[in-house]
Amino acid sequence: MIRLAISVEGRTEEEFVKHFLADYLRERGVKPTPILIGSARGGSTGGNVSAERLVLEMTHLRRNFDAVTSLVDFYGFRRKGDKTVDELEEDLRQKLGHLWHPQKVFPYVQRHEFEGLLFSDVDAFTKLIGVSHTSIQALRNIRLQFLTPEDINDNENTAPSKRIKKVIPQYEKKVDGPLLAMEIGLDKIRTECPRFNDWVTSLESLGR
């Protein structure tokens, strides 16, 4: 069994790994352990990740695990400047230096935000109490504007989580996010979100 550390930025991502990815990966010989980054361990809600912090965390984790990756959002990433998500990942690989290994140590940054994955099937939101047909239709209309859920944009007002909260004010990221992901299912998310799918494929390959 390959011991995999996943450096995560917040409780939502931690729960997502524990209750969504873990069983799937264990069946393929990979045991994932989500580990909160720095300030999140002290109760921060996340969204305050920098390249320097993430590289430091991954370097530390490499000492105790067979493989290390990350699950952090592009939205809220500090000091990213005008880099694209791919350019940011390349910057992380360069900062990891000799530790970077495409099969053992590989940073992953979610484009643009965890909530983007939930747009893979907006009908799942009907499982939340008090969600109206009008709200579901509003989410559908958002989804239809983009080629994939991962294209829903990175902006203070238009990031995926901001869009969901505007339509469904009662949405609670830490609780509802992982539950909705489970309702949608991994296969559907992988089909709709090619970048996320590539990451999961890399995780699967660790156990081969």
N, C-alpha and C. Protein backbone atom coordinates (compact mmCIF):
# COMPACT_ATOMS: atom_id res chain seq x y z
N MET A 1 0.84 -1.20 0.00
CA MET A 1 0.00 0.00 0.00
C MET A 1 0.88 1.25 0.00
N ILE A 2 0.70 2.10 -1.01
CA ILE A 2 1.45 3.34 -1.12
C ILE A 2 0.86 4.37 -0.16
N ARG A 3 1.71 4.95 0.66
CA ARG A 3 1.27 5.99 1.61
C ARG A 3 1.40 7.36 0.93
N LEU A 4 0.25 7.98 0.70
CA LEU A 4 0.20 9.25 -0.03
C LEU A 4 -0.24 10.38 0.90
N ALA A 5 0.55 11.43 0.99
CA ALA A 5 0.16 12.64 1.71
C ALA A 5 -0.43 13.64 0.71
N ILE A 6 -1.58 14.20 1.06
CA ILE A 6 -2.19 15.24 0.22
C ILE A 6 -2.26 16.52 1.06
N SER A 7 -1.48 17.50 0.69
CA SER A 7 -1.48 18.78 1.40
C SER A 7 -2.70 19.57 0.96
N VAL A 8 -3.62 19.82 1.90
CA VAL A 8 -4.89 20.47 1.56
C VAL A 8 -4.99 21.82 2.27
N GLU A 9 -5.75 22.73 1.67
CA GLU A 9 -5.78 24.09 2.19
C GLU A 9 -6.85 24.34 3.23
N GLY A 10 -7.84 23.46 3.34
CA GLY A 10 -8.92 23.71 4.28
C GLY A 10 -9.70 22.46 4.63
N ARG A 11 -10.67 22.63 5.51
CA ARG A 11 -11.47 21.50 6.00
C ARG A 11 -12.32 20.87 4.89
N THR A 12 -12.76 21.68 3.94
CA THR A 12 -13.56 21.14 2.84
C THR A 12 -12.77 20.11 2.06
N GLU A 13 -11.55 20.48 1.70
CA GLU A 13 -10.70 19.57 0.94
C GLU A 13 -10.29 18.36 1.78
N GLU A 14 -10.10 18.58 3.07
CA GLU A 14 -9.76 17.47 3.97
C GLU A 14 -10.89 16.44 3.99
N GLU A 15 -12.12 16.91 4.15
CA GLU A 15 -13.27 16.01 4.15
C GLU A 15 -13.47 15.35 2.80
N PHE A 16 -13.21 16.09 1.74
CA PHE A 16 -13.33 15.56 0.38
C PHE A 16 -12.41 14.36 0.19
N VAL A 17 -11.18 14.48 0.65
CA VAL A 17 -10.23 13.37 0.52
C VAL A 17 -10.66 12.20 1.40
N LYS A 18 -11.01 12.48 2.65
CA LYS A 18 -11.35 11.43 3.61
C LYS A 18 -12.57 10.63 3.18
N HIS A 19 -13.59 11.33 2.73
CA HIS A 19 -14.87 10.66 2.51
C HIS A 19 -15.25 10.48 1.04
N PHE A 20 -14.39 10.96 0.14
CA PHE A 20 -14.72 10.84 -1.27
C PHE A 20 -13.65 10.09 -2.04
N LEU A 21 -12.41 10.48 -1.87
CA LEU A 21 -11.32 9.85 -2.62
C LEU A 21 -10.74 8.62 -1.93
N ALA A 22 -10.76 8.60 -0.59
CA ALA A 22 -10.01 7.60 0.16
C ALA A 22 -10.37 6.16 -0.21
N ASP A 23 -11.64 5.81 -0.17
CA ASP A 23 -12.04 4.43 -0.45
C ASP A 23 -11.66 4.03 -1.87
N TYR A 24 -11.89 4.94 -2.81
CA TYR A 24 -11.57 4.67 -4.20
C TYR A 24 -10.09 4.37 -4.38
N LEU A 25 -9.24 5.18 -3.77
CA LEU A 25 -7.80 5.00 -3.93
C LEU A 25 -7.28 3.78 -3.18
N ARG A 26 -7.84 3.50 -2.01
CA ARG A 26 -7.39 2.32 -1.26
C ARG A 26 -7.62 1.04 -2.06
N GLU A 27 -8.71 0.99 -2.80
CA GLU A 27 -8.98 -0.17 -3.64
C GLU A 27 -7.92 -0.34 -4.73
N ARG A 28 -7.17 0.70 -4.97
CA ARG A 28 -6.12 0.68 -6.01
C ARG A 28 -4.72 0.73 -5.42
N GLY A 29 -4.64 0.40 -4.13
CA GLY A 29 -3.34 0.28 -3.49
C GLY A 29 -2.71 1.57 -3.00
N VAL A 30 -3.53 2.60 -2.85
CA VAL A 30 -3.02 3.90 -2.40
C VAL A 30 -3.81 4.35 -1.17
N LYS A 31 -3.09 4.67 -0.09
CA LYS A 31 -3.73 5.14 1.13
C LYS A 31 -3.47 6.63 1.28
N PRO A 32 -4.48 7.48 1.00
CA PRO A 32 -4.26 8.92 1.08
C PRO A 32 -4.51 9.48 2.48
N THR A 33 -3.67 10.41 2.89
CA THR A 33 -3.85 11.11 4.16
C THR A 33 -3.86 12.60 3.89
N PRO A 34 -5.01 13.26 4.09
CA PRO A 34 -5.05 14.72 3.90
C PRO A 34 -4.43 15.42 5.09
N ILE A 35 -3.58 16.39 4.84
CA ILE A 35 -2.92 17.13 5.92
C ILE A 35 -3.08 18.62 5.66
N LEU A 36 -3.70 19.29 6.61
CA LEU A 36 -3.97 20.72 6.48
C LEU A 36 -2.69 21.54 6.45
N ILE A 37 -2.70 22.55 5.61
CA ILE A 37 -1.55 23.43 5.49
C ILE A 37 -1.52 24.45 6.62
N GLY A 38 -0.38 24.62 7.23
CA GLY A 38 -0.08 25.69 8.17
C GLY A 38 -1.23 26.28 8.95
N SER A 39 -1.68 27.48 8.53
CA SER A 39 -2.69 28.22 9.28
C SER A 39 -4.01 27.47 9.38
N ALA A 40 -4.31 26.61 8.39
CA ALA A 40 -5.56 25.85 8.44
C ALA A 40 -5.58 24.88 9.61
N ARG A 41 -4.41 24.40 10.01
CA ARG A 41 -4.34 23.50 11.17
C ARG A 41 -4.76 24.20 12.44
N GLY A 42 -4.61 25.54 12.44
CA GLY A 42 -4.98 26.31 13.62
C GLY A 42 -6.40 26.83 13.58
N GLY A 43 -7.16 26.40 12.58
CA GLY A 43 -8.56 26.79 12.53
C GLY A 43 -8.92 27.76 11.43
N SER A 44 -7.94 28.20 10.64
CA SER A 44 -8.23 29.08 9.51
C SER A 44 -9.10 28.35 8.51
N THR A 45 -9.90 29.11 7.76
CA THR A 45 -10.80 28.50 6.78
C THR A 45 -10.10 28.16 5.47
N GLY A 46 -8.83 28.48 5.34
CA GLY A 46 -8.12 28.19 4.11
C GLY A 46 -8.14 29.37 3.16
N GLY A 47 -7.75 29.13 1.92
CA GLY A 47 -7.74 30.19 0.93
C GLY A 47 -6.62 31.20 1.12
N ASN A 48 -5.58 30.83 1.81
CA ASN A 48 -4.47 31.74 2.07
C ASN A 48 -3.16 31.01 1.86
N VAL A 49 -3.04 30.38 0.70
CA VAL A 49 -1.90 29.53 0.39
C VAL A 49 -0.91 30.30 -0.48
N SER A 50 0.36 30.13 -0.23
CA SER A 50 1.40 30.71 -1.08
C SER A 50 2.29 29.60 -1.60
N ALA A 51 3.03 29.88 -2.67
CA ALA A 51 3.94 28.88 -3.23
C ALA A 51 4.98 28.47 -2.21
N GLU A 52 5.50 29.44 -1.48
CA GLU A 52 6.54 29.14 -0.50
C GLU A 52 6.02 28.23 0.59
N ARG A 53 4.83 28.51 1.09
CA ARG A 53 4.23 27.69 2.15
C ARG A 53 3.95 26.28 1.66
N LEU A 54 3.39 26.16 0.46
CA LEU A 54 3.04 24.84 -0.06
C LEU A 54 4.29 23.99 -0.30
N VAL A 55 5.32 24.59 -0.87
CA VAL A 55 6.57 23.87 -1.11
C VAL A 55 7.18 23.41 0.21
N LEU A 56 7.15 24.27 1.23
CA LEU A 56 7.68 23.90 2.54
C LEU A 56 6.91 22.71 3.12
N GLU A 57 5.59 22.75 3.00
CA GLU A 57 4.75 21.66 3.52
C GLU A 57 5.05 20.35 2.79
N MET A 58 5.11 20.39 1.47
CA MET A 58 5.33 19.18 0.69
C MET A 58 6.72 18.61 0.93
N THR A 59 7.69 19.48 1.10
CA THR A 59 9.05 19.03 1.40
C THR A 59 9.10 18.30 2.73
N HIS A 60 8.41 18.83 3.72
CA HIS A 60 8.36 18.20 5.04
C HIS A 60 7.65 16.84 4.97
N LEU A 61 6.55 16.77 4.24
CA LEU A 61 5.77 15.54 4.16
C LEU A 61 6.51 14.42 3.44
N ARG A 62 7.38 14.79 2.52
CA ARG A 62 8.12 13.77 1.75
C ARG A 62 8.96 12.87 2.65
N ARG A 63 9.33 13.36 3.82
CA ARG A 63 10.16 12.57 4.73
C ARG A 63 9.43 11.36 5.30
N ASN A 64 8.10 11.45 5.35
CA ASN A 64 7.33 10.41 6.03
C ASN A 64 6.34 9.66 5.15
N PHE A 65 6.29 10.01 3.86
CA PHE A 65 5.33 9.36 2.97
C PHE A 65 6.02 8.89 1.69
N ASP A 66 5.41 7.91 1.04
CA ASP A 66 5.95 7.39 -0.22
C ASP A 66 5.76 8.38 -1.36
N ALA A 67 4.68 9.15 -1.29
CA ALA A 67 4.37 10.11 -2.34
C ALA A 67 3.65 11.31 -1.73
N VAL A 68 3.74 12.45 -2.39
CA VAL A 68 3.13 13.68 -1.88
C VAL A 68 2.51 14.46 -3.04
N THR A 69 1.31 14.95 -2.82
CA THR A 69 0.67 15.85 -3.78
C THR A 69 -0.05 16.94 -2.99
N SER A 70 -0.85 17.74 -3.68
CA SER A 70 -1.58 18.81 -3.01
C SER A 70 -2.97 18.94 -3.60
N LEU A 71 -3.85 19.57 -2.86
CA LEU A 71 -5.18 19.92 -3.35
C LEU A 71 -5.50 21.30 -2.80
N VAL A 72 -5.17 22.30 -3.60
CA VAL A 72 -5.39 23.69 -3.21
C VAL A 72 -6.05 24.43 -4.37
N ASP A 73 -6.78 25.48 -4.05
CA ASP A 73 -7.51 26.24 -5.07
C ASP A 73 -6.64 27.33 -5.69
N PHE A 74 -6.79 27.52 -6.98
CA PHE A 74 -6.14 28.63 -7.66
C PHE A 74 -6.71 29.96 -7.15
N TYR A 75 -8.02 29.99 -6.96
CA TYR A 75 -8.67 31.17 -6.40
C TYR A 75 -8.19 31.32 -4.95
N GLY A 76 -7.71 32.48 -4.59
CA GLY A 76 -7.24 32.70 -3.23
C GLY A 76 -5.76 32.41 -3.03
N PHE A 77 -5.11 31.86 -4.05
CA PHE A 77 -3.68 31.58 -3.94
C PHE A 77 -2.94 32.91 -3.89
N ARG A 78 -2.13 33.10 -2.88
CA ARG A 78 -1.45 34.38 -2.67
C ARG A 78 -0.28 34.60 -3.64
N ARG A 79 -0.13 35.84 -4.03
CA ARG A 79 1.02 36.28 -4.84
C ARG A 79 1.20 35.44 -6.11
N LYS A 80 0.09 35.11 -6.75
CA LYS A 80 0.19 34.35 -8.01
C LYS A 80 0.38 35.27 -9.20
N GLY A 81 0.14 36.58 -8.98
CA GLY A 81 0.32 37.53 -10.06
C GLY A 81 -0.59 37.22 -11.23
N ASP A 82 -0.04 37.28 -12.43
CA ASP A 82 -0.84 37.00 -13.63
C ASP A 82 -0.58 35.60 -14.19
N LYS A 83 -0.03 34.72 -13.35
CA LYS A 83 0.24 33.35 -13.79
C LYS A 83 -1.08 32.61 -14.04
N THR A 84 -1.06 31.75 -15.03
CA THR A 84 -2.17 30.81 -15.20
C THR A 84 -2.00 29.67 -14.20
N VAL A 85 -2.99 28.82 -14.07
CA VAL A 85 -2.88 27.71 -13.13
C VAL A 85 -1.75 26.76 -13.54
N ASP A 86 -1.57 26.56 -14.82
CA ASP A 86 -0.48 25.69 -15.28
C ASP A 86 0.89 26.31 -15.01
N GLU A 87 0.99 27.61 -15.21
CA GLU A 87 2.24 28.30 -14.91
C GLU A 87 2.55 28.28 -13.42
N LEU A 88 1.50 28.38 -12.61
CA LEU A 88 1.70 28.32 -11.16
C LEU A 88 2.21 26.95 -10.74
N GLU A 89 1.64 25.89 -11.31
CA GLU A 89 2.12 24.54 -11.00
C GLU A 89 3.58 24.36 -11.43
N GLU A 90 3.93 24.90 -12.59
CA GLU A 90 5.32 24.81 -13.04
C GLU A 90 6.24 25.56 -12.08
N ASP A 91 5.81 26.69 -11.59
CA ASP A 91 6.58 27.44 -10.60
C ASP A 91 6.78 26.61 -9.33
N LEU A 92 5.75 25.91 -8.92
CA LEU A 92 5.85 25.05 -7.74
C LEU A 92 6.84 23.92 -7.97
N ARG A 93 6.80 23.32 -9.16
CA ARG A 93 7.74 22.25 -9.47
C ARG A 93 9.19 22.75 -9.43
N GLN A 94 9.40 23.93 -9.96
CA GLN A 94 10.74 24.49 -9.93
C GLN A 94 11.21 24.77 -8.51
N LYS A 95 10.31 25.25 -7.68
CA LYS A 95 10.66 25.55 -6.29
C LYS A 95 10.92 24.27 -5.49
N LEU A 96 10.28 23.17 -5.87
CA LEU A 96 10.53 21.89 -5.21
C LEU A 96 11.91 21.34 -5.56
N GLY A 97 12.43 21.78 -6.71
CA GLY A 97 13.78 21.39 -7.10
C GLY A 97 13.94 19.89 -7.26
N HIS A 98 14.98 19.34 -6.65
CA HIS A 98 15.30 17.92 -6.83
C HIS A 98 14.24 17.01 -6.23
N LEU A 99 13.38 17.56 -5.33
CA LEU A 99 12.33 16.73 -4.73
C LEU A 99 11.20 16.42 -5.72
N TRP A 100 11.02 17.32 -6.70
CA TRP A 100 9.93 17.10 -7.63
C TRP A 100 10.17 15.83 -8.43
N HIS A 101 9.13 15.01 -8.47
CA HIS A 101 9.18 13.75 -9.21
C HIS A 101 7.78 13.52 -9.76
N PRO A 102 7.62 13.39 -11.08
CA PRO A 102 6.27 13.32 -11.66
C PRO A 102 5.42 12.17 -11.15
N GLN A 103 6.05 11.11 -10.62
CA GLN A 103 5.28 9.99 -10.08
C GLN A 103 5.25 9.95 -8.56
N LYS A 104 6.04 10.77 -7.89
CA LYS A 104 6.13 10.69 -6.43
C LYS A 104 5.82 11.99 -5.71
N VAL A 105 6.25 13.11 -6.26
CA VAL A 105 6.01 14.42 -5.65
C VAL A 105 5.51 15.36 -6.74
N PHE A 106 4.21 15.66 -6.73
CA PHE A 106 3.64 16.47 -7.81
C PHE A 106 2.54 17.39 -7.26
N PRO A 107 2.77 18.69 -7.32
CA PRO A 107 1.75 19.63 -6.84
C PRO A 107 0.54 19.65 -7.76
N TYR A 108 -0.63 19.85 -7.17
CA TYR A 108 -1.85 20.00 -7.96
C TYR A 108 -2.62 21.20 -7.43
N VAL A 109 -2.98 22.09 -8.34
CA VAL A 109 -3.77 23.27 -8.01
C VAL A 109 -5.09 23.18 -8.76
N GLN A 110 -6.19 23.21 -8.02
CA GLN A 110 -7.51 23.08 -8.62
C GLN A 110 -7.89 24.36 -9.38
N ARG A 111 -8.26 24.21 -10.62
CA ARG A 111 -8.70 25.34 -11.43
C ARG A 111 -10.23 25.38 -11.46
N HIS A 112 -10.80 26.41 -10.97
CA HIS A 112 -10.27 27.55 -10.24
C HIS A 112 -10.50 27.36 -8.74
N GLU A 113 -11.43 26.51 -8.40
CA GLU A 113 -11.83 26.35 -7.01
C GLU A 113 -12.55 25.01 -6.84
N PHE A 114 -12.47 24.46 -5.63
CA PHE A 114 -13.13 23.18 -5.35
C PHE A 114 -14.59 23.19 -5.80
N GLU A 115 -15.30 24.28 -5.52
CA GLU A 115 -16.72 24.35 -5.86
C GLU A 115 -17.00 24.19 -7.34
N GLY A 116 -16.00 24.45 -8.17
CA GLY A 116 -16.20 24.26 -9.60
C GLY A 116 -16.58 22.82 -9.92
N LEU A 117 -16.02 21.87 -9.16
CA LEU A 117 -16.32 20.46 -9.39
C LEU A 117 -17.81 20.17 -9.20
N LEU A 118 -18.46 20.93 -8.32
CA LEU A 118 -19.87 20.68 -8.01
C LEU A 118 -20.79 21.05 -9.16
N PHE A 119 -20.29 21.84 -10.10
CA PHE A 119 -21.08 22.18 -11.28
C PHE A 119 -21.08 21.04 -12.30
N SER A 120 -20.45 19.92 -11.96
CA SER A 120 -20.49 18.74 -12.83
C SER A 120 -21.90 18.20 -12.97
N ASP A 121 -22.71 18.40 -11.92
CA ASP A 121 -24.11 17.98 -11.97
C ASP A 121 -24.88 18.82 -10.95
N VAL A 122 -25.42 19.93 -11.40
CA VAL A 122 -26.07 20.86 -10.46
C VAL A 122 -27.36 20.29 -9.88
N ASP A 123 -27.91 19.25 -10.48
CA ASP A 123 -29.11 18.64 -9.92
C ASP A 123 -28.85 18.07 -8.52
N ALA A 124 -27.59 17.81 -8.20
CA ALA A 124 -27.26 17.30 -6.86
C ALA A 124 -27.65 18.29 -5.78
N PHE A 125 -27.72 19.57 -6.12
CA PHE A 125 -28.06 20.59 -5.13
C PHE A 125 -29.49 20.45 -4.62
N THR A 126 -30.32 19.67 -5.31
CA THR A 126 -31.69 19.44 -4.83
C THR A 126 -31.69 18.70 -3.50
N LYS A 127 -30.55 18.07 -3.16
CA LYS A 127 -30.45 17.34 -1.90
C LYS A 127 -30.34 18.28 -0.70
N LEU A 128 -30.01 19.54 -0.96
CA LEU A 128 -29.92 20.50 0.14
C LEU A 128 -31.31 21.00 0.51
N ILE A 129 -31.55 21.17 1.78
CA ILE A 129 -32.86 21.61 2.26
C ILE A 129 -33.15 23.03 1.78
N GLY A 130 -34.35 23.21 1.28
CA GLY A 130 -34.81 24.55 0.92
C GLY A 130 -34.34 25.07 -0.42
N VAL A 131 -33.77 24.22 -1.24
CA VAL A 131 -33.31 24.67 -2.56
C VAL A 131 -34.46 24.57 -3.56
N SER A 132 -34.78 25.66 -4.21
CA SER A 132 -35.92 25.72 -5.11
C SER A 132 -35.53 25.33 -6.54
N HIS A 133 -36.53 25.05 -7.33
CA HIS A 133 -36.31 24.77 -8.75
C HIS A 133 -35.66 25.97 -9.43
N THR A 134 -36.06 27.18 -9.01
CA THR A 134 -35.49 28.40 -9.58
C THR A 134 -33.98 28.47 -9.33
N SER A 135 -33.57 28.07 -8.13
CA SER A 135 -32.13 28.07 -7.80
C SER A 135 -31.37 27.07 -8.64
N ILE A 136 -31.94 25.89 -8.83
CA ILE A 136 -31.29 24.86 -9.65
C ILE A 136 -31.16 25.35 -11.08
N GLN A 137 -32.20 25.99 -11.58
CA GLN A 137 -32.15 26.51 -12.95
C GLN A 137 -31.08 27.60 -13.08
N ALA A 138 -30.93 28.40 -12.04
CA ALA A 138 -29.91 29.45 -12.06
C ALA A 138 -28.51 28.83 -12.14
N LEU A 139 -28.30 27.73 -11.41
CA LEU A 139 -27.02 27.03 -11.46
C LEU A 139 -26.81 26.39 -12.84
N ARG A 140 -27.86 25.86 -13.41
CA ARG A 140 -27.76 25.29 -14.76
C ARG A 140 -27.34 26.36 -15.76
N ASN A 141 -27.93 27.54 -15.63
CA ASN A 141 -27.61 28.63 -16.56
C ASN A 141 -26.15 29.04 -16.44
N ILE A 142 -25.63 29.03 -15.23
CA ILE A 142 -24.21 29.33 -15.03
C ILE A 142 -23.36 28.28 -15.73
N ARG A 143 -23.70 27.02 -15.48
CA ARG A 143 -22.92 25.92 -16.07
C ARG A 143 -22.89 25.99 -17.59
N LEU A 144 -24.00 26.35 -18.18
CA LEU A 144 -24.11 26.39 -19.64
C LEU A 144 -23.23 27.47 -20.29
N GLN A 145 -22.75 28.40 -19.49
CA GLN A 145 -21.92 29.48 -20.02
C GLN A 145 -20.46 29.05 -20.23
N PHE A 146 -20.10 27.86 -19.73
CA PHE A 146 -18.70 27.44 -19.75
C PHE A 146 -18.54 26.06 -20.39
N LEU A 147 -17.39 25.87 -21.01
CA LEU A 147 -17.12 24.59 -21.66
C LEU A 147 -17.07 23.45 -20.66
N THR A 148 -16.39 23.68 -19.53
CA THR A 148 -16.33 22.68 -18.46
C THR A 148 -16.53 23.39 -17.12
N PRO A 149 -16.87 22.65 -16.06
CA PRO A 149 -16.99 23.27 -14.74
C PRO A 149 -15.70 23.95 -14.29
N GLU A 150 -14.56 23.45 -14.76
CA GLU A 150 -13.28 24.01 -14.35
C GLU A 150 -13.00 25.37 -15.00
N ASP A 151 -13.81 25.76 -15.95
CA ASP A 151 -13.64 27.06 -16.60
C ASP A 151 -14.41 28.17 -15.89
N ILE A 152 -15.25 27.82 -14.93
CA ILE A 152 -16.00 28.84 -14.20
C ILE A 152 -15.00 29.73 -13.47
N ASN A 153 -15.06 31.03 -13.69
CA ASN A 153 -13.89 31.88 -13.54
C ASN A 153 -13.50 32.30 -12.13
N ASP A 154 -12.25 32.80 -12.10
CA ASP A 154 -11.54 33.15 -10.88
C ASP A 154 -11.63 34.65 -10.65
N ASN A 155 -12.61 35.05 -9.83
CA ASN A 155 -12.84 36.47 -9.62
C ASN A 155 -13.51 36.65 -8.26
N GLU A 156 -13.30 37.79 -7.66
CA GLU A 156 -13.88 38.07 -6.34
C GLU A 156 -15.39 37.87 -6.31
N ASN A 157 -16.05 38.12 -7.43
CA ASN A 157 -17.51 38.03 -7.48
C ASN A 157 -18.02 36.84 -8.27
N THR A 158 -17.15 36.23 -9.10
CA THR A 158 -17.65 35.18 -10.00
C THR A 158 -16.99 33.83 -9.82
N ALA A 159 -16.17 33.67 -8.79
CA ALA A 159 -15.61 32.36 -8.48
C ALA A 159 -16.76 31.39 -8.18
N PRO A 160 -16.57 30.09 -8.40
CA PRO A 160 -17.66 29.13 -8.22
C PRO A 160 -18.38 29.24 -6.87
N SER A 161 -17.63 29.35 -5.78
CA SER A 161 -18.27 29.42 -4.46
C SER A 161 -19.12 30.68 -4.31
N LYS A 162 -18.65 31.79 -4.90
CA LYS A 162 -19.41 33.05 -4.83
C LYS A 162 -20.72 32.91 -5.59
N ARG A 163 -20.65 32.23 -6.72
CA ARG A 163 -21.87 32.04 -7.52
C ARG A 163 -22.88 31.16 -6.77
N ILE A 164 -22.39 30.10 -6.13
CA ILE A 164 -23.29 29.21 -5.41
C ILE A 164 -23.94 29.94 -4.24
N LYS A 165 -23.14 30.67 -3.47
CA LYS A 165 -23.67 31.39 -2.30
C LYS A 165 -24.70 32.44 -2.70
N LYS A 166 -24.51 33.04 -3.86
CA LYS A 166 -25.47 34.05 -4.32
C LYS A 166 -26.82 33.42 -4.63
N VAL A 167 -26.77 32.22 -5.19
CA VAL A 167 -28.01 31.52 -5.56
C VAL A 167 -28.59 30.75 -4.38
N ILE A 168 -27.69 30.14 -3.57
CA ILE A 168 -28.12 29.32 -2.43
C ILE A 168 -27.39 29.84 -1.18
N PRO A 169 -27.92 30.85 -0.52
CA PRO A 169 -27.23 31.47 0.62
C PRO A 169 -26.93 30.51 1.76
N GLN A 170 -27.72 29.45 1.89
CA GLN A 170 -27.52 28.50 2.99
C GLN A 170 -26.41 27.48 2.73
N TYR A 171 -25.80 27.55 1.56
CA TYR A 171 -24.71 26.62 1.25
C TYR A 171 -23.57 26.77 2.23
N GLU A 172 -23.16 25.66 2.85
CA GLU A 172 -22.05 25.64 3.81
C GLU A 172 -20.92 24.83 3.22
N LYS A 173 -19.83 25.50 2.89
CA LYS A 173 -18.72 24.90 2.16
C LYS A 173 -18.22 23.61 2.81
N LYS A 174 -17.90 23.66 4.11
CA LYS A 174 -17.27 22.52 4.77
C LYS A 174 -18.18 21.30 4.82
N VAL A 175 -19.47 21.52 5.03
CA VAL A 175 -20.41 20.41 5.19
C VAL A 175 -20.99 19.98 3.85
N ASP A 176 -21.53 20.94 3.12
CA ASP A 176 -22.26 20.62 1.90
C ASP A 176 -21.36 20.24 0.73
N GLY A 177 -20.18 20.85 0.64
CA GLY A 177 -19.30 20.58 -0.49
C GLY A 177 -18.96 19.11 -0.66
N PRO A 178 -18.38 18.47 0.36
CA PRO A 178 -18.05 17.04 0.23
C PRO A 178 -19.28 16.16 0.02
N LEU A 179 -20.40 16.50 0.68
CA LEU A 179 -21.61 15.70 0.53
C LEU A 179 -22.15 15.78 -0.91
N LEU A 180 -22.11 16.96 -1.48
CA LEU A 180 -22.57 17.12 -2.86
C LEU A 180 -21.66 16.38 -3.83
N ALA A 181 -20.37 16.40 -3.55
CA ALA A 181 -19.44 15.66 -4.41
C ALA A 181 -19.76 14.18 -4.39
N MET A 182 -20.06 13.65 -3.21
CA MET A 182 -20.42 12.23 -3.11
C MET A 182 -21.72 11.95 -3.85
N GLU A 183 -22.66 12.88 -3.78
CA GLU A 183 -23.93 12.72 -4.48
C GLU A 183 -23.71 12.69 -6.00
N ILE A 184 -22.83 13.53 -6.49
CA ILE A 184 -22.54 13.59 -7.92
C ILE A 184 -21.79 12.34 -8.38
N GLY A 185 -20.81 11.94 -7.58
CA GLY A 185 -20.03 10.74 -7.89
C GLY A 185 -18.74 11.06 -8.64
N LEU A 186 -17.73 10.26 -8.37
CA LEU A 186 -16.42 10.49 -8.94
C LEU A 186 -16.42 10.36 -10.47
N ASP A 187 -17.13 9.37 -10.99
CA ASP A 187 -17.14 9.16 -12.44
C ASP A 187 -17.65 10.39 -13.18
N LYS A 188 -18.73 10.97 -12.68
CA LYS A 188 -19.32 12.14 -13.34
C LYS A 188 -18.37 13.33 -13.26
N ILE A 189 -17.77 13.55 -12.10
CA ILE A 189 -16.84 14.67 -11.95
C ILE A 189 -15.64 14.50 -12.87
N ARG A 190 -15.12 13.28 -12.95
CA ARG A 190 -13.96 13.04 -13.82
C ARG A 190 -14.31 13.25 -15.29
N THR A 191 -15.51 12.89 -15.67
CA THR A 191 -15.94 13.08 -17.06
C THR A 191 -16.07 14.56 -17.40
N GLU A 192 -16.59 15.33 -16.46
CA GLU A 192 -16.85 16.75 -16.71
C GLU A 192 -15.62 17.64 -16.50
N CYS A 193 -14.67 17.18 -15.69
CA CYS A 193 -13.53 18.03 -15.29
C CYS A 193 -12.21 17.37 -15.69
N PRO A 194 -11.73 17.62 -16.90
CA PRO A 194 -10.55 16.92 -17.41
C PRO A 194 -9.28 17.15 -16.60
N ARG A 195 -9.10 18.34 -16.07
CA ARG A 195 -7.87 18.60 -15.30
C ARG A 195 -7.87 17.81 -14.00
N PHE A 196 -9.01 17.78 -13.33
CA PHE A 196 -9.16 16.98 -12.11
C PHE A 196 -8.98 15.50 -12.44
N ASN A 197 -9.54 15.08 -13.57
CA ASN A 197 -9.41 13.69 -13.99
C ASN A 197 -7.94 13.29 -14.16
N ASP A 198 -7.15 14.18 -14.75
CA ASP A 198 -5.72 13.88 -14.94
C ASP A 198 -5.03 13.68 -13.59
N TRP A 199 -5.41 14.50 -12.61
CA TRP A 199 -4.82 14.37 -11.28
C TRP A 199 -5.17 13.03 -10.65
N VAL A 200 -6.45 12.66 -10.71
CA VAL A 200 -6.87 11.37 -10.13
C VAL A 200 -6.17 10.22 -10.84
N THR A 201 -5.99 10.33 -12.14
CA THR A 201 -5.25 9.31 -12.88
C THR A 201 -3.83 9.17 -12.36
N SER A 202 -3.20 10.28 -12.04
CA SER A 202 -1.84 10.25 -11.46
C SER A 202 -1.86 9.57 -10.09
N LEU A 203 -2.90 9.82 -9.30
CA LEU A 203 -2.99 9.19 -7.99
C LEU A 203 -3.18 7.68 -8.12
N GLU A 204 -4.03 7.27 -9.06
CA GLU A 204 -4.25 5.85 -9.30
C GLU A 204 -2.96 5.13 -9.69
N SER A 205 -2.18 5.80 -10.51
CA SER A 205 -0.96 5.16 -11.03
C SER A 205 0.06 4.86 -9.96
N LEU A 206 -0.04 5.50 -8.81
CA LEU A 206 0.91 5.26 -7.71
C LEU A 206 0.84 3.81 -7.23
N GLY A 207 -0.35 3.22 -7.31
CA GLY A 207 -0.53 1.87 -6.79
C GLY A 207 -0.22 0.78 -7.78
N ARG A 208 0.20 1.13 -8.96
CA ARG A 208 0.45 0.11 -10.01
C ARG A 208 1.89 -0.40 -9.95
